[in-house]
Protein backbone atom coordinates (compact mmCIF):
# COMPACT_ATOMS: atom_id res chain seq x y z
CA MET A 1 -0.60 6.97 -105.23
CA THR A 2 -1.18 10.45 -103.85
CA GLN A 3 1.83 11.87 -102.11
CA ALA A 4 1.81 12.39 -98.36
CA GLY A 5 0.32 15.69 -97.30
CA THR A 6 -1.94 16.08 -100.34
CA SER A 7 -5.66 15.43 -100.70
CA LEU A 8 -6.99 12.43 -102.53
CA ARG A 9 -8.49 13.46 -105.85
CA ILE A 10 -11.94 12.38 -107.05
CA LEU A 11 -13.01 12.75 -110.68
CA ILE A 12 -16.81 13.18 -110.91
CA VAL A 13 -18.26 12.32 -114.33
CA ASP A 14 -21.98 13.13 -114.60
CA ASP A 15 -24.04 15.12 -117.10
CA ASP A 16 -26.22 16.64 -114.36
CA PRO A 17 -24.52 19.95 -113.43
CA ASP A 18 -26.47 20.31 -110.18
CA LEU A 19 -25.45 16.85 -109.01
CA ARG A 20 -21.82 17.46 -110.02
CA GLN A 21 -21.71 20.65 -107.98
CA LEU A 22 -23.46 19.06 -105.00
CA LEU A 23 -21.07 16.10 -104.90
CA SER A 24 -18.05 18.31 -105.46
CA ALA A 25 -19.02 20.60 -102.58
CA TYR A 26 -19.80 17.68 -100.28
CA LEU A 27 -16.61 15.76 -101.01
CA SER A 28 -14.50 18.91 -100.79
CA LYS A 29 -16.01 19.56 -97.37
CA HIS A 30 -14.73 16.14 -96.31
CA GLY A 31 -11.17 16.79 -97.44
CA TYR A 32 -11.16 15.53 -101.04
CA ASP A 33 -9.86 17.39 -104.05
CA THR A 34 -12.48 17.15 -106.82
CA VAL A 35 -12.50 17.68 -110.56
CA MET A 36 -15.59 17.43 -112.74
CA ALA A 37 -16.53 16.34 -116.25
CA ALA A 38 -19.91 16.28 -117.99
CA ASP A 39 -19.16 13.29 -120.20
CA ALA A 40 -16.85 10.28 -120.55
CA ALA A 41 -15.78 11.11 -124.10
CA ASP A 42 -12.46 12.48 -122.78
CA LEU A 43 -12.25 10.19 -119.78
CA GLU A 44 -8.83 8.76 -120.56
CA ALA A 45 -7.42 12.23 -121.25
CA ASN A 46 -8.84 13.46 -117.93
CA ILE A 47 -7.22 10.54 -116.12
CA VAL A 48 -3.87 11.47 -117.64
CA ARG A 49 -4.38 15.16 -116.89
CA TYR A 50 -5.70 14.92 -113.32
CA ALA A 51 -4.38 11.53 -112.10
CA PRO A 52 -7.48 10.89 -109.93
CA ASP A 53 -7.37 8.46 -107.03
CA LEU A 54 -10.98 7.42 -107.75
CA ILE A 55 -13.66 8.08 -110.37
CA VAL A 56 -17.38 8.53 -109.69
CA LEU A 57 -18.89 7.64 -113.07
CA ASP A 58 -22.53 7.97 -114.13
CA ARG A 59 -23.91 5.26 -116.40
CA MET A 60 -26.19 7.38 -118.57
CA LEU A 61 -23.99 9.91 -120.36
CA PRO A 62 -24.26 11.87 -123.64
CA SER A 63 -21.47 9.81 -125.22
CA GLY A 64 -23.03 6.48 -124.19
CA ASP A 65 -23.12 4.01 -121.34
CA GLY A 66 -20.65 4.57 -118.52
CA LEU A 67 -20.53 0.80 -118.26
CA ASP A 68 -18.79 0.64 -121.63
CA ALA A 69 -16.40 3.43 -120.63
CA CYS A 70 -15.48 1.48 -117.50
CA ARG A 71 -14.92 -1.70 -119.47
CA ASP A 72 -12.75 0.10 -122.03
CA LEU A 73 -10.55 1.52 -119.29
CA ARG A 74 -10.04 -1.91 -117.74
CA ASN A 75 -9.25 -3.46 -121.12
CA ARG A 76 -6.51 -0.85 -121.57
CA GLY A 77 -5.01 -1.74 -118.20
CA GLU A 78 -6.24 1.32 -116.25
CA ASP A 79 -6.77 0.30 -112.60
CA VAL A 80 -8.04 3.54 -111.04
CA PRO A 81 -10.99 2.68 -108.70
CA ILE A 82 -14.43 3.39 -110.20
CA ILE A 83 -17.82 3.76 -108.53
CA LEU A 84 -20.72 3.63 -111.01
CA LEU A 85 -23.85 5.73 -110.47
CA THR A 86 -27.09 4.70 -112.13
CA ALA A 87 -30.83 5.22 -112.10
CA LYS A 88 -31.11 1.45 -112.42
CA ASP A 89 -30.69 -0.39 -109.14
CA GLU A 90 -31.72 -3.93 -110.02
CA SER A 91 -29.44 -6.84 -109.17
CA VAL A 92 -28.70 -7.65 -112.82
CA ASP A 93 -27.48 -4.08 -113.37
CA ARG A 94 -25.27 -4.23 -110.28
CA ILE A 95 -23.77 -7.49 -111.53
CA MET A 96 -23.15 -6.00 -114.97
CA GLY A 97 -21.48 -3.00 -113.36
CA LEU A 98 -19.14 -5.12 -111.29
CA GLU A 99 -18.39 -7.41 -114.21
CA SER A 100 -17.37 -4.38 -116.27
CA GLY A 101 -14.60 -3.74 -113.76
CA ALA A 102 -16.29 -1.21 -111.46
CA ASP A 103 -15.27 -1.38 -107.80
CA ASP A 104 -18.74 -0.46 -106.53
CA TYR A 105 -22.21 0.44 -107.78
CA LEU A 106 -24.69 2.95 -106.34
CA GLY A 107 -28.28 3.50 -107.48
CA LYS A 108 -29.90 6.92 -107.77
CA PRO A 109 -31.25 8.68 -105.82
CA PHE A 110 -28.71 8.28 -103.04
CA ASP A 111 -27.57 10.05 -99.91
CA PRO A 112 -24.16 11.76 -100.40
CA ARG A 113 -23.15 10.26 -97.06
CA GLU A 114 -23.54 6.78 -98.54
CA LEU A 115 -21.39 7.72 -101.54
CA LEU A 116 -18.74 9.09 -99.17
CA ALA A 117 -18.79 5.85 -97.17
CA ARG A 118 -18.42 3.80 -100.35
CA ILE A 119 -15.56 5.97 -101.60
CA GLN A 120 -13.75 5.49 -98.30
CA ALA A 121 -14.35 1.73 -98.39
CA VAL A 122 -13.12 1.37 -101.98
CA LEU A 123 -9.99 3.41 -101.25
CA ARG A 124 -9.27 1.28 -98.16
CA ARG A 125 -9.61 -1.90 -100.21
CA LYS A 126 -7.44 -0.43 -102.94
CA ALA A 127 -4.71 0.49 -100.47
CA GLY A 128 -4.89 -2.87 -98.67
CA PRO A 129 -3.01 -3.85 -95.52
CA SER A 130 0.32 -3.30 -97.27
CA ALA A 131 -0.34 0.44 -97.33
CA LEU A 132 0.38 0.56 -93.61
CA ARG A 133 3.71 -1.21 -94.00
CA PRO A 134 4.74 -1.07 -97.64
CA ALA A 135 7.42 -3.42 -98.90
CA GLN A 136 10.79 -1.70 -98.60
CA THR A 137 12.57 -3.67 -101.32
CA ILE A 138 11.55 -5.44 -104.50
CA GLN A 139 13.76 -8.19 -105.93
CA PHE A 140 13.64 -9.29 -109.57
CA GLY A 141 16.34 -11.51 -110.99
CA ASP A 142 19.71 -10.33 -109.67
CA PHE A 143 18.37 -6.86 -108.95
CA VAL A 144 17.06 -5.31 -105.73
CA PHE A 145 15.16 -2.02 -105.83
CA ASP A 146 14.80 -0.15 -102.53
CA GLN A 147 11.60 1.89 -102.62
CA THR A 148 12.53 3.97 -99.60
CA THR A 149 15.94 5.16 -100.76
CA GLU A 150 15.15 4.75 -104.48
CA GLN A 151 18.33 2.79 -105.09
CA LEU A 152 18.90 -0.07 -107.49
CA ARG A 153 21.54 -2.69 -106.73
CA ARG A 154 22.79 -5.80 -108.48
CA GLY A 155 24.69 -8.27 -106.34
CA GLY A 156 25.10 -5.57 -103.72
CA GLU A 157 26.63 -3.14 -106.19
CA LEU A 158 24.88 0.21 -106.57
CA ILE A 159 23.71 0.98 -110.10
CA HIS A 160 23.77 4.69 -110.84
CA LEU A 161 20.59 6.01 -112.46
CA THR A 162 19.30 9.54 -112.93
CA SER A 163 16.43 10.69 -110.70
CA GLY A 164 14.09 10.48 -113.67
CA GLU A 165 15.12 6.90 -114.46
CA LEU A 166 14.72 5.88 -110.79
CA SER A 167 11.29 7.51 -110.63
CA LEU A 168 10.21 5.78 -113.85
CA LEU A 169 11.48 2.39 -112.68
CA GLY A 170 9.72 2.84 -109.34
CA VAL A 171 6.40 3.56 -111.06
CA LEU A 172 6.74 0.55 -113.36
CA ILE A 173 7.52 -1.72 -110.40
CA GLN A 174 4.62 -0.34 -108.32
CA HIS A 175 2.24 -1.14 -111.20
CA ALA A 176 3.81 -4.51 -112.05
CA GLY A 177 1.89 -6.45 -114.67
CA LYS A 178 -0.24 -3.46 -115.74
CA PRO A 179 0.28 -1.65 -119.05
CA LEU A 180 0.94 2.07 -118.60
CA SER A 181 0.71 4.63 -121.39
CA ARG A 182 3.49 7.15 -121.87
CA GLU A 183 1.12 9.89 -120.73
CA ARG A 184 0.31 7.96 -117.57
CA LEU A 185 3.99 7.37 -116.89
CA LEU A 186 4.66 11.09 -117.24
CA ILE A 187 1.96 11.82 -114.65
CA LEU A 188 3.03 9.15 -112.16
CA ALA A 189 6.79 9.50 -112.52
CA ARG A 190 6.85 13.11 -111.35
CA ASP A 191 10.41 14.42 -111.27
CA ASP A 192 12.37 17.63 -111.74
CA GLU A 193 14.21 16.66 -114.89
CA ALA A 194 12.99 18.74 -117.81
CA GLY A 195 14.14 16.02 -120.19
CA GLU A 196 11.63 13.55 -118.78
CA ARG A 197 8.57 15.61 -119.71
CA ASN A 198 7.65 14.26 -123.14
CA ASP A 199 6.81 10.95 -124.73
CA ARG A 200 10.12 10.67 -126.58
CA ALA A 201 12.04 11.13 -123.34
CA ILE A 202 10.06 8.26 -121.80
CA ASP A 203 11.11 6.02 -124.69
CA ILE A 204 14.76 7.04 -124.24
CA ALA A 205 14.61 6.40 -120.50
CA ILE A 206 13.06 2.97 -121.12
CA LEU A 207 15.85 2.20 -123.59
CA ARG A 208 18.51 3.14 -121.01
CA LEU A 209 16.83 1.06 -118.31
CA ARG A 210 16.67 -1.94 -120.63
CA ARG A 211 20.38 -1.66 -121.40
CA LEU A 212 21.07 -1.84 -117.68
CA LEU A 213 18.51 -4.46 -116.67
CA GLU A 214 18.06 -6.80 -119.60
CA ASP A 215 20.31 -9.62 -120.77
CA ASP A 216 18.96 -8.94 -124.26
CA PRO A 217 17.56 -5.38 -124.53
CA LYS A 218 15.99 -6.21 -127.91
CA ASN A 219 13.97 -9.01 -126.28
CA PRO A 220 13.27 -7.54 -122.83
CA ARG A 221 12.28 -9.76 -119.94
CA TRP A 222 11.46 -7.11 -117.33
CA ILE A 223 10.27 -3.98 -119.14
CA GLN A 224 8.03 -5.03 -122.00
CA THR A 225 6.44 -2.99 -124.76
CA VAL A 226 2.64 -3.19 -125.00
CA TRP A 227 1.93 -2.16 -128.57
CA GLY A 228 -0.63 0.61 -128.89
CA VAL A 229 -0.50 1.30 -125.14
CA GLY A 230 2.98 1.81 -123.67
CA TYR A 231 5.08 -0.26 -121.29
CA ARG A 232 4.72 -2.66 -118.38
CA PHE A 233 7.03 -4.24 -115.83
CA MET A 234 6.72 -8.02 -115.64
CA PRO A 235 8.19 -9.50 -112.41
């Protein structure tokens, strides 16, 4: 989630440079931070690098169908909202787009105002009613995690964690049930601890959290390893 006081970031993926620039200028005018890519070949790397709040993704790209790129992201557990753009606007194509995991589907040519309206609608749906009054505490087993104060307690007793460990635990809890790569965790768990800025440090922090949270750290109940991907929190 974008921090308060910062612009929401939109990643525009389209091989048409004129359209990329037009959309970037239009969305920037309406308060969005935009980044651009000409292809989806490095889509996952761009997600890790830029941490976009939403992706505008063209279907017809040099590396292949954006539909497949969208499906691959969903299969890997990536839940960033995606709006597909396409020259095809038939109902079967819209259905295929939505079935691939896209949040919305817009046929070309289109009015930038319609894209803006769809972006706003998708982001509202993504945030949901809970965004207005987010849950203050999350309970799992004997533990209670306070998202406001970033404190973890067990039976009322405060468990001392480093700021990096608290940030990492908070991210895992916020994305409960979804696999997160180490790179994604590094992006989302922003903190000031230099030791938490590489993949190995993420593994060490996970190990420390498991020793504190798990009855059997070698067979974790809460923080599970997803082989080939990373980690996920299972409430």
